[in-house]
Amino acid sequence: MKVVAIVQARMLSNRLRGKSLMSVNNKPLLYRVVEGIKALTFIDRIIVATTTSFADDPIEAAAKELGVGIFRGDALDVLNRFVEASLDCSESDLIVRFTADNPLYNTEISQKAFEAHVKNKADYTHIHGLSHIVPEFFNVGSIREANLLTRDSFDREHVTPFFRKKTDLFNVLELPNDFEGLRPDLDALLTIDTNDQLYAFEKMLETLDYNNKKASLSEIYSYLDGVNHKLEQPEKIVVKLDGIPVGEGYPTYIIAEIGQNHNGDVRLAKKLIDMAVDCGANAVKFQKRDIASELTKEAFDKPYENPNSFGATYGEHRIFLELDEAQHLELKEYALARGITYFCTPCDVPSVELLERINCPFYKVASRDLTNIPLLEALGKTGKPVILSTGMADFSDIDDALAALNMQKDQLIILQCTSQYPCALENVNLKVMDTLREKYGLITGFSDHTSGIVVSTAASVLGAVVIEKHITLDRTMKGTDQPGSLERAGLFKLVDYIRACEIALGDGVKAVNPATIAAKHKLARSLTSRTEIKAGTILTAEMICLKSPGTGIGWRDRGLIVGKKALRNINADVTLNAADFE
């Protein structure tokens, strides 16, 4: 078996143009990536795969200088680019996929992943959620088969989603996102996609003296913990949602609730995912129902005639809005490629089973289902985190729900919510978050059904670790939830305001802020001579007053000079100096 490393690289990145050859601590990004690959002993050959655009001519020149292969192909059909780059390989050969924006591929963990791929005779191997420091592995025969089977433009541009969607056709090995000590909560900090990330990377490499002595992964993680995160306190509960820590001291986890505002159309759903990504949300949430488990025949057949109806009966309306398993998997993969977490609210046990098949990372329970004990028991058995909404519940309902889930505290988040659409301000009751936190010892958040963004922003300041808000492309669209949802501008403002409030909250330590020193020097007051003071005069309190600037002796330190003898003549109205007295 021959093992070929293929590195995707291009100059016209959508977010940071030219990044592949940008200098990162005095070494171009692509050079760092190739240098790391050369340290992998299982790699036989390295090929840089770029596009035929003249803009990528520098990529070809760099590959030649590095002494590695070069292949140029279609800009969007990356799947075919991989196939053509490996034409001289046999079906049993292995391709290892790298990208040029991830400069710190880890040698030891990549070796372990390679061994797992070979041992399990996998067609495709990846870290759950995809890793920025461990590559993907797939057999040449498998990528050729995928090239023949899919014409979907998304699959062809992103190469490997087809494998993850077609586990019935391919032997897919998904390694856990904490495989061999990986830290999924820090993984997003180990790629370069923006100028800010580039500068942060340079600072990290410089601090760790990475060019002279290669830092270990634990040293890199320790640095990132110190710079970017508040260390988890032992007494504080932290829930990890798809690897991201959520709890006190961490950024508010913002969920863009798509629900069924996609109106049964996967294309609309993808546009809503794009909107959530562009606005900076952490996750998108959908809903899944098994209609046969939901409705009696009478309820299914009940006429449903209103402006928001998608069917003649209520059952037909609900069926129209449902997405099937393949569509949910497609959206999960699309969200993954866009860098946002997909998860879902299952409304029944069959929906839990479906979502488990596509490996939904965690779940939410709708307010109406806090009394659906079979559903709660099924969710508890998944072993995955659960977010519990309480919009129709009292304490007895919550008690029963928690008992049915039977989960540890670091697997549960409970949301204050009022199931009124839209919710009147007097019914919001944000203080219930404190009540729930104290009664159950769980971290709490807020599911917002009010109009606007004020209440969600206030909830984040009051300690909500999760904020959930419905989103829509257009509030005038057909659909029950559309009018009360946030459009793009509203979601952008919500995320922006929450992040601004997080910065403004600070650390609670009261001290003179460096930002105020100049103003303090200008505006504060110092001891000043009220009259002329002759040399040899003993200074008394009657001879001094307080005037700006504040660069001299403060009133509380007047004992430094009062009662002391002046060493020189001092004019009236002069800021006094301790050196002029003895």
Protein backbone atom coordinates (compact mmCIF):
# COMPACT_ATOMS: atom_id res chain seq x y z
CA MET A 1 0.00 0.00 0.00
CA LYS A 2 1.28 3.43 -0.98
CA VAL A 3 0.27 6.42 1.17
CA VAL A 4 -0.09 9.77 -0.60
CA ALA A 5 -0.59 13.06 1.23
CA ILE A 6 -2.66 15.54 -0.78
CA VAL A 7 -2.66 19.14 0.45
CA GLN A 8 -5.50 21.41 -0.67
CA ALA A 9 -4.20 24.93 -1.22
CA ARG A 10 -5.37 28.03 -3.07
CA MET A 11 -4.70 31.74 -3.02
CA LEU A 12 -8.27 33.02 -3.47
CA SER A 13 -9.70 32.01 -0.11
CA ASN A 14 -13.10 33.61 0.49
CA ARG A 15 -12.14 35.03 3.90
CA LEU A 16 -8.36 35.55 3.83
CA ARG A 17 -6.97 35.88 0.33
CA GLY A 18 -3.44 34.69 -0.21
CA LYS A 19 -3.29 32.96 3.17
CA SER A 20 -1.63 29.79 1.81
CA LEU A 21 1.62 31.69 1.31
CA MET A 22 1.25 34.26 4.08
CA SER A 23 4.14 34.35 6.52
CA VAL A 24 3.34 32.88 9.92
CA ASN A 25 6.16 33.78 12.29
CA ASN A 26 8.62 34.13 9.38
CA LYS A 27 7.58 30.99 7.50
CA PRO A 28 4.86 30.73 4.79
CA LEU A 29 1.78 28.79 5.88
CA LEU A 30 2.04 26.14 3.14
CA TYR A 31 5.70 25.59 4.01
CA ARG A 32 4.75 24.92 7.64
CA VAL A 33 2.09 22.41 6.57
CA VAL A 34 4.43 20.51 4.23
CA GLU A 35 7.18 20.55 6.86
CA GLY A 36 4.77 18.91 9.31
CA ILE A 37 3.69 16.28 6.77
CA LYS A 38 7.30 15.33 6.07
CA ALA A 39 7.59 14.40 9.75
CA LEU A 40 4.91 11.71 9.30
CA THR A 41 6.79 8.46 8.68
CA PHE A 42 3.82 6.70 7.06
CA ILE A 43 3.61 9.20 4.18
CA ASP A 44 5.31 8.04 0.96
CA ARG A 45 4.61 11.02 -1.27
CA ILE A 46 3.26 14.57 -0.98
CA ILE A 47 1.18 16.34 -3.63
CA VAL A 48 -0.09 19.91 -3.42
CA ALA A 49 -3.45 20.14 -5.20
CA THR A 50 -4.50 23.60 -6.35
CA THR A 51 -6.61 25.16 -9.09
CA THR A 52 -5.87 26.05 -12.70
CA SER A 53 -6.39 29.75 -11.96
CA PHE A 54 -3.38 31.96 -12.72
CA ALA A 55 -3.78 33.27 -9.16
CA ASP A 56 -2.49 29.90 -7.97
CA ASP A 57 0.73 30.00 -10.00
CA PRO A 58 2.63 30.93 -6.80
CA ILE A 59 1.30 27.73 -5.19
CA GLU A 60 2.88 25.67 -7.98
CA ALA A 61 6.18 27.54 -7.62
CA ALA A 62 6.15 26.93 -3.86
CA ALA A 63 5.47 23.21 -4.32
CA LYS A 64 8.44 22.91 -6.67
CA GLU A 65 10.67 24.76 -4.23
CA LEU A 66 9.53 22.41 -1.46
CA GLY A 67 10.34 19.40 -3.62
CA VAL A 68 6.81 17.96 -3.61
CA GLY A 69 4.36 17.09 -6.36
CA ILE A 70 1.86 19.54 -7.82
CA PHE A 71 -1.54 18.95 -9.41
CA ARG A 72 -3.87 21.61 -10.77
CA GLY A 73 -7.56 21.07 -11.37
CA ASP A 74 -11.06 22.56 -11.17
CA ALA A 75 -11.62 25.17 -8.45
CA LEU A 76 -15.00 23.84 -7.29
CA ASP A 77 -14.87 20.15 -8.24
CA VAL A 78 -12.31 19.31 -5.57
CA LEU A 79 -13.47 15.68 -5.46
CA ASN A 80 -12.39 15.19 -9.06
CA ARG A 81 -9.16 17.06 -8.30
CA PHE A 82 -8.30 14.38 -5.74
CA VAL A 83 -9.16 11.60 -8.18
CA GLU A 84 -7.03 13.03 -10.98
CA ALA A 85 -4.14 13.80 -8.63
CA SER A 86 -4.04 10.10 -7.72
CA LEU A 87 -4.44 8.57 -11.18
CA ASP A 88 -1.16 6.67 -10.87
CA CYS A 89 -2.27 5.05 -7.60
CA SER A 90 -3.83 1.63 -7.21
CA GLU A 91 -7.30 1.07 -5.70
CA SER A 92 -5.79 -0.11 -2.40
CA ASP A 93 -3.52 2.91 -1.97
CA LEU A 94 -4.37 5.48 0.69
CA ILE A 95 -4.90 9.24 0.40
CA VAL A 96 -4.36 11.42 3.46
CA ARG A 97 -6.14 14.76 3.12
CA PHE A 98 -4.54 17.93 4.49
CA THR A 99 -5.48 21.58 4.03
CA ALA A 100 -3.05 24.47 3.81
CA ASP A 101 -4.72 26.55 6.53
CA ASN A 102 -3.90 24.08 9.33
CA PRO A 103 -0.20 24.49 10.16
CA LEU A 104 0.04 22.30 13.26
CA TYR A 105 -0.89 18.75 12.22
CA ASN A 106 0.08 16.52 15.14
CA THR A 107 2.53 13.73 14.32
CA GLU A 108 1.69 11.31 17.15
CA ILE A 109 -2.12 11.49 16.96
CA SER A 110 -2.08 11.39 13.14
CA GLN A 111 0.01 8.20 13.38
CA LYS A 112 -2.58 6.67 15.73
CA ALA A 113 -5.42 7.63 13.39
CA PHE A 114 -3.55 6.07 10.45
CA GLU A 115 -3.08 2.85 12.42
CA ALA A 116 -6.79 2.80 13.32
CA HIS A 117 -7.74 3.24 9.65
CA VAL A 118 -5.56 0.31 8.59
CA LYS A 119 -6.57 -1.92 11.51
CA ASN A 120 -10.30 -1.42 10.87
CA LYS A 121 -9.92 -1.79 7.09
CA ALA A 122 -11.87 1.44 6.75
CA ASP A 123 -12.75 3.15 3.49
CA TYR A 124 -12.74 6.54 5.21
CA THR A 125 -11.53 7.66 8.65
CA HIS A 126 -12.03 11.01 10.35
CA ILE A 127 -12.22 12.67 13.74
CA HIS A 128 -15.79 13.45 14.79
CA GLY A 129 -16.48 17.05 13.79
CA LEU A 130 -13.23 17.04 11.76
CA SER A 131 -9.97 18.12 13.34
CA HIS A 132 -7.58 20.90 12.40
CA ILE A 133 -4.58 18.90 13.61
CA VAL A 134 -5.42 15.36 12.46
CA PRO A 135 -6.00 14.70 8.72
CA GLU A 136 -8.68 12.59 7.04
CA PHE A 137 -7.88 9.21 5.47
CA PHE A 138 -9.60 7.53 2.51
CA ASN A 139 -8.72 4.77 0.09
CA VAL A 140 -8.13 5.58 -3.57
CA GLY A 141 -10.78 3.06 -4.63
CA SER A 142 -13.33 4.72 -2.35
CA ILE A 143 -12.70 8.24 -3.64
CA ARG A 144 -12.99 6.98 -7.22
CA GLU A 145 -16.31 5.34 -6.38
CA ALA A 146 -17.59 8.53 -4.74
CA ASN A 147 -16.54 10.47 -7.84
CA LEU A 148 -18.78 8.24 -9.94
CA LEU A 149 -21.76 8.22 -7.56
CA THR A 150 -22.33 11.86 -6.60
CA ARG A 151 -23.10 14.83 -8.81
CA ASP A 152 -24.06 17.05 -5.88
CA SER A 153 -22.02 20.27 -6.05
CA PHE A 154 -21.67 20.46 -2.26
CA ASP A 155 -20.28 16.93 -2.06
CA ARG A 156 -17.89 17.59 -4.92
CA GLU A 157 -16.55 20.82 -3.45
CA HIS A 158 -16.10 19.49 0.09
CA VAL A 159 -14.91 15.98 -0.92
CA THR A 160 -15.72 13.86 2.14
CA PRO A 161 -19.34 14.61 3.21
CA PHE A 162 -20.49 11.95 0.73
CA PHE A 163 -18.64 9.28 2.73
CA ARG A 164 -20.23 10.41 5.99
CA LYS A 165 -23.70 10.43 4.44
CA LYS A 166 -23.35 7.05 2.74
CA THR A 167 -22.31 4.74 5.55
CA ASP A 168 -24.34 2.02 3.84
CA LEU A 169 -21.90 2.13 0.91
CA PHE A 170 -18.60 2.80 2.71
CA ASN A 171 -16.91 1.50 5.84
CA VAL A 172 -16.63 4.79 7.72
CA LEU A 173 -14.55 4.96 10.89
CA GLU A 174 -15.42 7.97 13.05
CA LEU A 175 -12.91 8.53 15.85
CA PRO A 176 -14.11 10.50 18.92
CA ASN A 177 -13.30 14.20 19.02
CA ASP A 178 -11.14 13.64 22.12
CA PHE A 179 -9.18 10.85 20.42
CA GLU A 180 -5.74 10.39 22.01
CA GLY A 181 -6.11 13.56 24.10
CA LEU A 182 -7.48 15.96 21.47
CA ARG A 183 -9.16 19.07 22.90
CA PRO A 184 -12.22 19.82 20.72
CA ASP A 185 -12.89 22.98 22.76
CA LEU A 186 -9.59 24.43 21.50
CA ASP A 187 -9.61 22.99 17.98
CA ALA A 188 -11.12 26.08 16.35
CA LEU A 189 -8.07 28.06 17.52
CA LEU A 190 -5.70 25.82 15.54
CA THR A 191 -6.58 26.96 12.04
CA ILE A 192 -6.01 30.20 10.13
CA ASP A 193 -8.98 31.64 8.29
CA THR A 194 -8.92 35.33 9.29
CA ASN A 195 -6.37 38.04 9.97
CA ASP A 196 -7.15 37.85 13.69
CA GLN A 197 -6.39 34.12 13.70
CA LEU A 198 -3.17 34.78 11.79
CA TYR A 199 -1.98 37.34 14.34
CA ALA A 200 -2.99 35.09 17.25
CA PHE A 201 -1.10 32.18 15.69
CA GLU A 202 2.02 34.29 15.22
CA LYS A 203 1.92 35.42 18.84
CA MET A 204 1.53 31.83 20.03
CA LEU A 205 4.42 30.51 17.93
CA GLU A 206 6.63 33.39 19.01
CA THR A 207 5.81 32.88 22.69
CA LEU A 208 6.49 29.15 22.44
CA ASP A 209 9.68 29.75 20.41
CA TYR A 210 8.21 27.24 17.95
CA ASN A 211 10.75 27.87 15.18
CA ASN A 212 13.63 26.76 17.39
CA LYS A 213 12.03 24.05 19.53
CA LYS A 214 8.84 22.35 18.45
CA ALA A 215 6.32 22.70 21.27
CA SER A 216 4.33 19.66 22.32
CA LEU A 217 0.56 19.57 21.90
CA SER A 218 0.13 19.82 25.66
CA GLU A 219 2.26 22.99 25.68
CA ILE A 220 0.15 24.44 22.86
CA TYR A 221 -3.07 23.58 24.71
CA SER A 222 -1.69 25.09 27.93
CA TYR A 223 -0.85 28.30 26.10
CA LEU A 224 -4.33 28.49 24.55
CA ASP A 225 -5.96 27.81 27.92
CA GLY A 226 -4.02 30.64 29.48
CA VAL A 227 -4.62 33.15 26.71
CA ASN A 228 -8.11 32.39 25.50
CA HIS A 229 -10.01 30.65 28.25
CA LYS A 230 -10.80 31.01 31.88
CA LEU A 231 -9.69 27.79 33.52
CA GLU A 232 -12.52 25.58 34.65
CA GLN A 233 -13.05 25.79 38.39
CA PRO A 234 -13.60 22.40 40.04
CA GLU A 235 -16.81 23.49 41.74
CA LYS A 236 -18.37 24.83 38.54
CA ILE A 237 -20.42 22.67 36.20
CA VAL A 238 -19.36 22.68 32.57
CA VAL A 239 -21.37 20.94 29.84
CA LYS A 240 -19.63 20.21 26.56
CA LEU A 241 -21.84 20.71 23.51
CA ASP A 242 -20.15 19.09 20.53
CA GLY A 243 -16.85 19.63 22.31
CA ILE A 244 -17.47 23.28 23.21
CA PRO A 245 -17.49 24.03 26.97
CA VAL A 246 -20.64 25.78 28.17
CA GLY A 247 -20.99 27.20 31.66
CA GLU A 248 -20.07 30.07 33.94
CA GLY A 249 -16.90 31.79 32.75
CA TYR A 250 -17.34 30.72 29.13
CA PRO A 251 -18.88 32.69 26.23
CA THR A 252 -22.67 32.46 25.95
CA TYR A 253 -23.64 29.61 23.62
CA ILE A 254 -25.98 31.12 21.02
CA ILE A 255 -28.44 28.81 19.26
CA ALA A 256 -30.12 29.93 16.05
CA GLU A 257 -33.40 28.01 16.12
CA ILE A 258 -34.39 27.16 12.55
CA GLY A 259 -37.09 24.76 13.70
CA GLN A 260 -39.35 24.35 10.70
CA ASN A 261 -38.84 27.82 9.25
CA HIS A 262 -37.25 26.04 6.28
CA ASN A 263 -40.85 25.28 5.18
CA GLY A 264 -39.85 21.78 4.10
CA ASP A 265 -37.19 23.05 1.67
CA VAL A 266 -33.57 21.94 2.16
CA ARG A 267 -32.36 24.88 0.08
CA LEU A 268 -34.02 27.33 2.48
CA ALA A 269 -32.58 25.39 5.40
CA LYS A 270 -29.07 25.82 3.99
CA LYS A 271 -29.63 29.54 3.53
CA LEU A 272 -30.66 29.75 7.19
CA ILE A 273 -27.50 27.87 8.18
CA ASP A 274 -25.47 30.34 6.11
CA MET A 275 -27.20 33.22 7.87
CA ALA A 276 -26.46 31.76 11.31
CA VAL A 277 -22.79 31.30 10.38
CA ASP A 278 -22.48 34.82 8.99
CA CYS A 279 -24.00 36.27 12.16
CA GLY A 280 -21.72 34.33 14.51
CA ALA A 281 -24.12 31.85 16.15
CA ASN A 282 -22.67 28.71 17.74
CA ALA A 283 -25.28 26.21 16.59
CA VAL A 284 -28.37 25.73 14.45
CA LYS A 285 -31.30 23.69 15.73
CA PHE A 286 -33.92 21.80 13.77
CA GLN A 287 -36.94 19.71 14.78
CA LYS A 288 -37.86 16.13 13.87
CA ARG A 289 -41.23 14.44 14.19
CA ASP A 290 -42.48 10.99 13.30
CA ILE A 291 -46.00 11.97 12.29
CA ALA A 292 -47.43 8.49 12.90
CA SER A 293 -46.21 8.76 16.50
CA GLU A 294 -47.49 12.32 16.85
CA LEU A 295 -51.11 12.40 15.77
CA THR A 296 -54.26 10.36 16.13
CA LYS A 297 -56.20 9.72 12.94
CA GLU A 298 -58.73 12.31 14.04
CA ALA A 299 -56.02 14.92 14.59
CA PHE A 300 -54.32 14.00 11.30
CA ASP A 301 -57.55 14.34 9.30
CA LYS A 302 -58.69 17.57 10.92
CA PRO A 303 -59.11 20.32 8.29
CA TYR A 304 -56.37 22.91 8.56
CA GLU A 305 -57.27 25.99 6.59
CA ASN A 306 -55.36 29.14 7.46
CA PRO A 307 -52.79 31.41 5.78
CA ASN A 308 -49.91 29.38 7.25
CA SER A 309 -51.19 25.96 6.21
CA PHE A 310 -49.15 23.74 3.90
CA GLY A 311 -51.83 21.06 3.60
CA ALA A 312 -55.59 20.57 3.56
CA THR A 313 -55.47 18.66 6.86
CA TYR A 314 -53.28 19.18 9.90
CA GLY A 315 -51.53 15.88 9.19
CA GLU A 316 -50.76 16.83 5.60
CA HIS A 317 -49.49 20.19 6.84
CA ARG A 318 -47.12 18.50 9.29
CA ILE A 319 -45.88 15.99 6.71
CA PHE A 320 -45.10 18.80 4.26
CA LEU A 321 -42.81 20.45 6.81
CA GLU A 322 -40.89 17.29 7.74
CA LEU A 323 -37.40 16.50 6.49
CA ASP A 324 -36.37 12.87 6.11
CA GLU A 325 -33.25 11.15 7.43
CA ALA A 326 -31.17 11.80 4.31
CA GLN A 327 -32.09 15.49 4.38
CA HIS A 328 -31.18 15.85 8.06
CA LEU A 329 -27.84 14.17 7.38
CA GLU A 330 -27.28 16.48 4.42
CA LEU A 331 -27.94 19.52 6.63
CA LYS A 332 -25.69 18.17 9.39
CA GLU A 333 -22.86 17.77 6.87
CA TYR A 334 -23.55 21.20 5.39
CA ALA A 335 -23.40 22.78 8.84
CA LEU A 336 -20.15 20.94 9.57
CA ALA A 337 -18.60 22.25 6.36
CA ARG A 338 -19.71 25.79 7.27
CA GLY A 339 -18.16 25.50 10.73
CA ILE A 340 -21.33 25.47 12.85
CA THR A 341 -22.92 22.74 14.97
CA TYR A 342 -26.14 21.06 13.84
CA PHE A 343 -28.44 19.55 16.45
CA CYS A 344 -32.12 18.78 16.76
CA THR A 345 -35.21 18.53 18.93
CA PRO A 346 -36.70 15.03 18.55
CA CYS A 347 -40.38 14.89 19.38
CA ASP A 348 -40.72 11.12 19.77
CA VAL A 349 -38.72 7.91 20.19
CA PRO A 350 -38.53 7.06 16.45
CA SER A 351 -37.05 10.52 15.84
CA VAL A 352 -34.41 9.89 18.53
CA GLU A 353 -33.51 6.64 16.76
CA LEU A 354 -33.23 8.44 13.42
CA LEU A 355 -31.06 11.21 14.86
CA GLU A 356 -28.82 8.67 16.57
CA ARG A 357 -28.21 7.06 13.18
CA ILE A 358 -26.82 10.34 11.85
CA ASN A 359 -24.91 10.94 15.11
CA CYS A 360 -26.63 14.11 16.31
CA PRO A 361 -24.15 15.49 18.91
CA PHE A 362 -26.71 16.52 21.55
CA TYR A 363 -30.44 17.14 21.89
CA LYS A 364 -33.06 19.57 23.09
CA VAL A 365 -36.37 18.67 24.68
CA ALA A 366 -39.27 20.94 23.74
CA SER A 367 -41.35 22.40 26.56
CA ARG A 368 -44.37 20.33 25.62
CA ASP A 369 -42.41 17.09 26.01
CA LEU A 370 -41.33 17.42 29.64
CA THR A 371 -44.10 14.93 30.43
CA ASN A 372 -43.21 12.60 27.52
CA ILE A 373 -41.45 10.06 29.72
CA PRO A 374 -40.71 7.46 26.99
CA LEU A 375 -38.98 10.17 24.92
CA LEU A 376 -36.99 11.40 27.91
CA GLU A 377 -35.88 7.88 28.84
CA ALA A 378 -34.73 7.28 25.26
CA LEU A 379 -32.73 10.52 25.28
CA GLY A 380 -31.15 9.63 28.62
CA LYS A 381 -29.92 6.34 27.17
CA THR A 382 -28.03 8.10 24.35
CA GLY A 383 -25.45 9.38 26.84
CA LYS A 384 -25.41 12.73 25.03
CA PRO A 385 -26.06 16.17 26.57
CA VAL A 386 -29.66 17.33 26.75
CA ILE A 387 -31.00 20.89 26.86
CA LEU A 388 -34.34 21.03 28.65
CA SER A 389 -36.87 23.78 27.90
CA THR A 390 -39.45 24.54 30.61
CA GLY A 391 -41.98 26.81 28.90
CA MET A 392 -45.07 24.84 30.02
CA ALA A 393 -43.70 23.25 33.18
CA ASP A 394 -43.93 23.57 36.94
CA PHE A 395 -41.46 22.05 39.40
CA SER A 396 -43.24 18.69 39.48
CA ASP A 397 -42.96 18.38 35.69
CA ILE A 398 -39.27 19.29 35.82
CA ASP A 399 -38.69 16.80 38.66
CA ASP A 400 -40.29 14.00 36.63
CA ALA A 401 -38.36 14.94 33.50
CA LEU A 402 -35.00 14.93 35.28
CA ALA A 403 -35.80 11.59 36.90
CA ALA A 404 -36.68 10.08 33.51
CA LEU A 405 -33.50 11.42 31.89
CA ASN A 406 -31.40 10.07 34.80
CA MET A 407 -28.32 12.02 33.70
CA GLN A 408 -25.33 13.62 35.41
CA LYS A 409 -25.31 17.38 35.96
CA ASP A 410 -22.54 17.89 33.42
CA GLN A 411 -24.87 16.51 30.75
CA LEU A 412 -27.84 18.80 31.41
CA ILE A 413 -28.76 22.41 30.72
CA ILE A 414 -32.13 23.80 31.77
CA LEU A 415 -33.73 26.78 30.01
CA GLN A 416 -36.20 29.29 31.39
CA CYS A 417 -38.90 29.76 28.78
CA THR A 418 -42.50 30.89 28.49
CA SER A 419 -44.48 29.19 25.72
CA GLN A 420 -46.36 32.27 24.57
CA TYR A 421 -45.88 33.45 20.98
CA PRO A 422 -44.84 36.23 21.11
CA CYS A 423 -44.18 36.33 24.83
CA ALA A 424 -45.26 39.47 26.70
CA LEU A 425 -42.49 41.08 28.75
CA GLU A 426 -44.40 40.68 32.00
CA ASN A 427 -44.45 36.90 31.42
CA VAL A 428 -40.72 36.43 30.74
CA ASN A 429 -39.53 36.13 34.37
CA LEU A 430 -35.77 36.00 33.83
CA LYS A 431 -35.20 35.63 37.57
CA VAL A 432 -36.46 32.06 37.28
CA MET A 433 -33.01 31.21 35.89
CA ASP A 434 -31.59 31.82 39.37
CA THR A 435 -34.39 29.78 40.94
CA LEU A 436 -33.73 26.81 38.64
CA ARG A 437 -29.97 27.09 39.19
CA GLU A 438 -30.37 27.06 42.97
CA LYS A 439 -33.01 24.32 43.10
CA TYR A 440 -31.45 21.82 40.71
CA GLY A 441 -27.75 22.74 40.74
CA LEU A 442 -27.76 22.89 36.94
CA ILE A 443 -26.44 25.53 34.59
CA THR A 444 -29.27 27.55 33.09
CA GLY A 445 -30.09 29.44 29.94
CA PHE A 446 -32.98 31.15 28.19
CA SER A 447 -35.19 30.24 25.24
CA ASP A 448 -36.59 33.55 23.99
CA HIS A 449 -40.03 33.95 22.44
CA THR A 450 -40.24 37.73 22.89
CA SER A 451 -40.07 40.16 20.01
CA GLY A 452 -36.69 41.78 19.46
CA ILE A 453 -33.34 41.18 21.12
CA VAL A 454 -33.45 43.15 24.38
CA VAL A 455 -34.56 40.27 26.60
CA SER A 456 -32.02 37.78 25.22
CA THR A 457 -29.24 40.30 25.75
CA ALA A 458 -30.40 40.94 29.31
CA ALA A 459 -30.59 37.19 29.96
CA SER A 460 -26.97 36.75 28.94
CA VAL A 461 -25.92 39.47 31.40
CA LEU A 462 -27.95 37.75 34.14
CA GLY A 463 -26.01 34.52 33.65
CA ALA A 464 -27.74 32.58 30.86
CA VAL A 465 -25.09 30.23 29.50
CA VAL A 466 -27.28 29.38 26.49
CA ILE A 467 -29.50 31.70 24.47
CA GLU A 468 -31.91 30.27 21.92
CA LYS A 469 -33.76 32.44 19.40
CA HIS A 470 -35.82 31.58 16.30
CA ILE A 471 -34.47 32.86 12.97
CA THR A 472 -35.99 33.42 9.55
CA LEU A 473 -34.95 34.69 6.15
CA ASP A 474 -38.01 36.94 6.05
CA ARG A 475 -40.68 37.49 8.71
CA THR A 476 -43.33 37.85 6.01
CA MET A 477 -42.78 34.30 4.78
CA LYS A 478 -45.52 31.73 5.20
CA GLY A 479 -45.29 29.80 8.46
CA THR A 480 -46.48 30.02 12.06
CA ASP A 481 -43.06 30.85 13.56
CA GLN A 482 -41.84 33.25 10.87
CA PRO A 483 -43.36 36.54 12.21
CA GLY A 484 -41.76 36.19 15.65
CA SER A 485 -38.31 35.19 14.41
CA LEU A 486 -35.16 37.26 13.88
CA GLU A 487 -34.04 38.18 10.40
CA ARG A 488 -30.36 38.52 9.51
CA ALA A 489 -29.93 42.05 10.89
CA GLY A 490 -31.59 41.12 14.17
CA LEU A 491 -29.51 37.99 14.70
CA PHE A 492 -26.32 39.88 13.88
CA LYS A 493 -27.19 42.55 16.46
CA LEU A 494 -28.10 39.94 19.07
CA VAL A 495 -24.77 38.14 18.75
CA ASP A 496 -22.90 41.46 18.65
CA TYR A 497 -24.66 42.79 21.76
CA ILE A 498 -24.15 39.59 23.75
CA ARG A 499 -20.45 39.50 22.91
CA ALA A 500 -20.12 43.21 23.77
CA CYS A 501 -21.80 42.62 27.14
CA GLU A 502 -19.44 39.73 27.87
CA ILE A 503 -16.48 42.04 27.38
CA ALA A 504 -18.09 44.81 29.44
CA LEU A 505 -18.84 42.49 32.39
CA GLY A 506 -15.12 42.19 33.12
CA ASP A 507 -13.66 40.13 35.96
CA GLY A 508 -15.13 41.89 38.99
CA VAL A 509 -11.76 43.13 40.25
CA LYS A 510 -11.87 46.84 41.13
CA ALA A 511 -8.55 48.53 40.37
CA VAL A 512 -7.26 51.57 38.52
CA ASN A 513 -7.63 50.64 34.89
CA PRO A 514 -4.65 51.55 32.71
CA ALA A 515 -7.11 53.17 30.31
CA THR A 516 -7.98 55.79 32.97
CA ILE A 517 -4.46 56.79 34.04
CA ALA A 518 -4.11 59.68 31.59
CA ALA A 519 -7.47 61.10 32.68
CA LYS A 520 -6.56 60.61 36.34
CA HIS A 521 -3.33 62.54 35.91
CA LYS A 522 -5.19 65.34 34.16
CA LEU A 523 -8.31 65.61 36.31
CA ALA A 524 -7.43 64.36 39.82
CA ARG A 525 -5.98 66.74 42.42
CA SER A 526 -2.59 67.04 44.14
CA LEU A 527 -1.29 69.00 47.13
CA THR A 528 -0.61 72.56 45.96
CA SER A 529 0.99 75.58 47.69
CA ARG A 530 -1.74 78.01 48.77
CA THR A 531 0.85 80.78 49.45
CA GLU A 532 4.52 81.43 48.84
CA ILE A 533 6.68 79.16 51.04
CA LYS A 534 10.15 80.38 52.02
CA ALA A 535 13.07 77.98 52.42
CA GLY A 536 13.32 76.82 56.04
CA THR A 537 9.57 77.27 56.67
CA ILE A 538 7.77 74.42 58.46
CA LEU A 539 4.82 73.47 56.27
CA THR A 540 1.37 73.63 57.90
CA ALA A 541 -2.02 72.44 56.65
CA GLU A 542 -3.08 76.07 56.15
CA MET A 543 -0.38 76.49 53.49
CA ILE A 544 -1.75 73.78 51.16
CA CYS A 545 -4.83 73.08 49.04
CA LEU A 546 -5.86 70.56 46.37
CA LYS A 547 -5.69 71.38 42.64
CA SER A 548 -5.26 69.55 39.34
CA PRO A 549 -3.25 67.92 37.83
CA GLY A 550 -3.16 64.69 39.81
CA THR A 551 0.51 63.93 39.21
CA GLY A 552 1.69 64.97 42.67
CA ILE A 553 0.99 64.02 46.29
CA GLY A 554 -2.59 63.01 47.17
CA TRP A 555 -4.45 64.30 50.24
CA ARG A 556 -4.15 61.01 52.12
CA ASP A 557 -0.35 61.20 51.79
CA ARG A 558 -0.09 64.81 53.09
CA GLY A 559 1.87 63.50 56.10
CA LEU A 560 4.84 63.17 53.76
CA ILE A 561 5.29 66.97 53.78
CA VAL A 562 3.08 68.60 56.45
CA GLY A 563 5.27 69.40 59.46
CA LYS A 564 8.41 69.17 57.33
CA LYS A 565 10.86 71.99 56.48
CA ALA A 566 10.99 73.46 52.98
CA LEU A 567 14.41 73.01 51.36
CA ARG A 568 13.91 75.80 48.83
CA ASN A 569 11.71 78.77 48.06
CA ILE A 570 8.38 77.59 46.59
CA ASN A 571 6.04 79.94 44.75
CA ALA A 572 2.32 80.03 45.40
CA ASP A 573 0.04 77.78 43.30
CA VAL A 574 2.68 75.11 42.59
CA THR A 575 2.22 71.30 42.74
CA LEU A 576 4.26 70.20 45.76
CA ASN A 577 6.96 67.53 45.65
CA ALA A 578 8.14 65.44 48.62
CA ALA A 579 11.77 65.95 47.53
CA ASP A 580 11.45 69.66 48.42
CA PHE A 581 10.91 68.96 52.15
CA GLU A 582 12.82 67.28 54.97
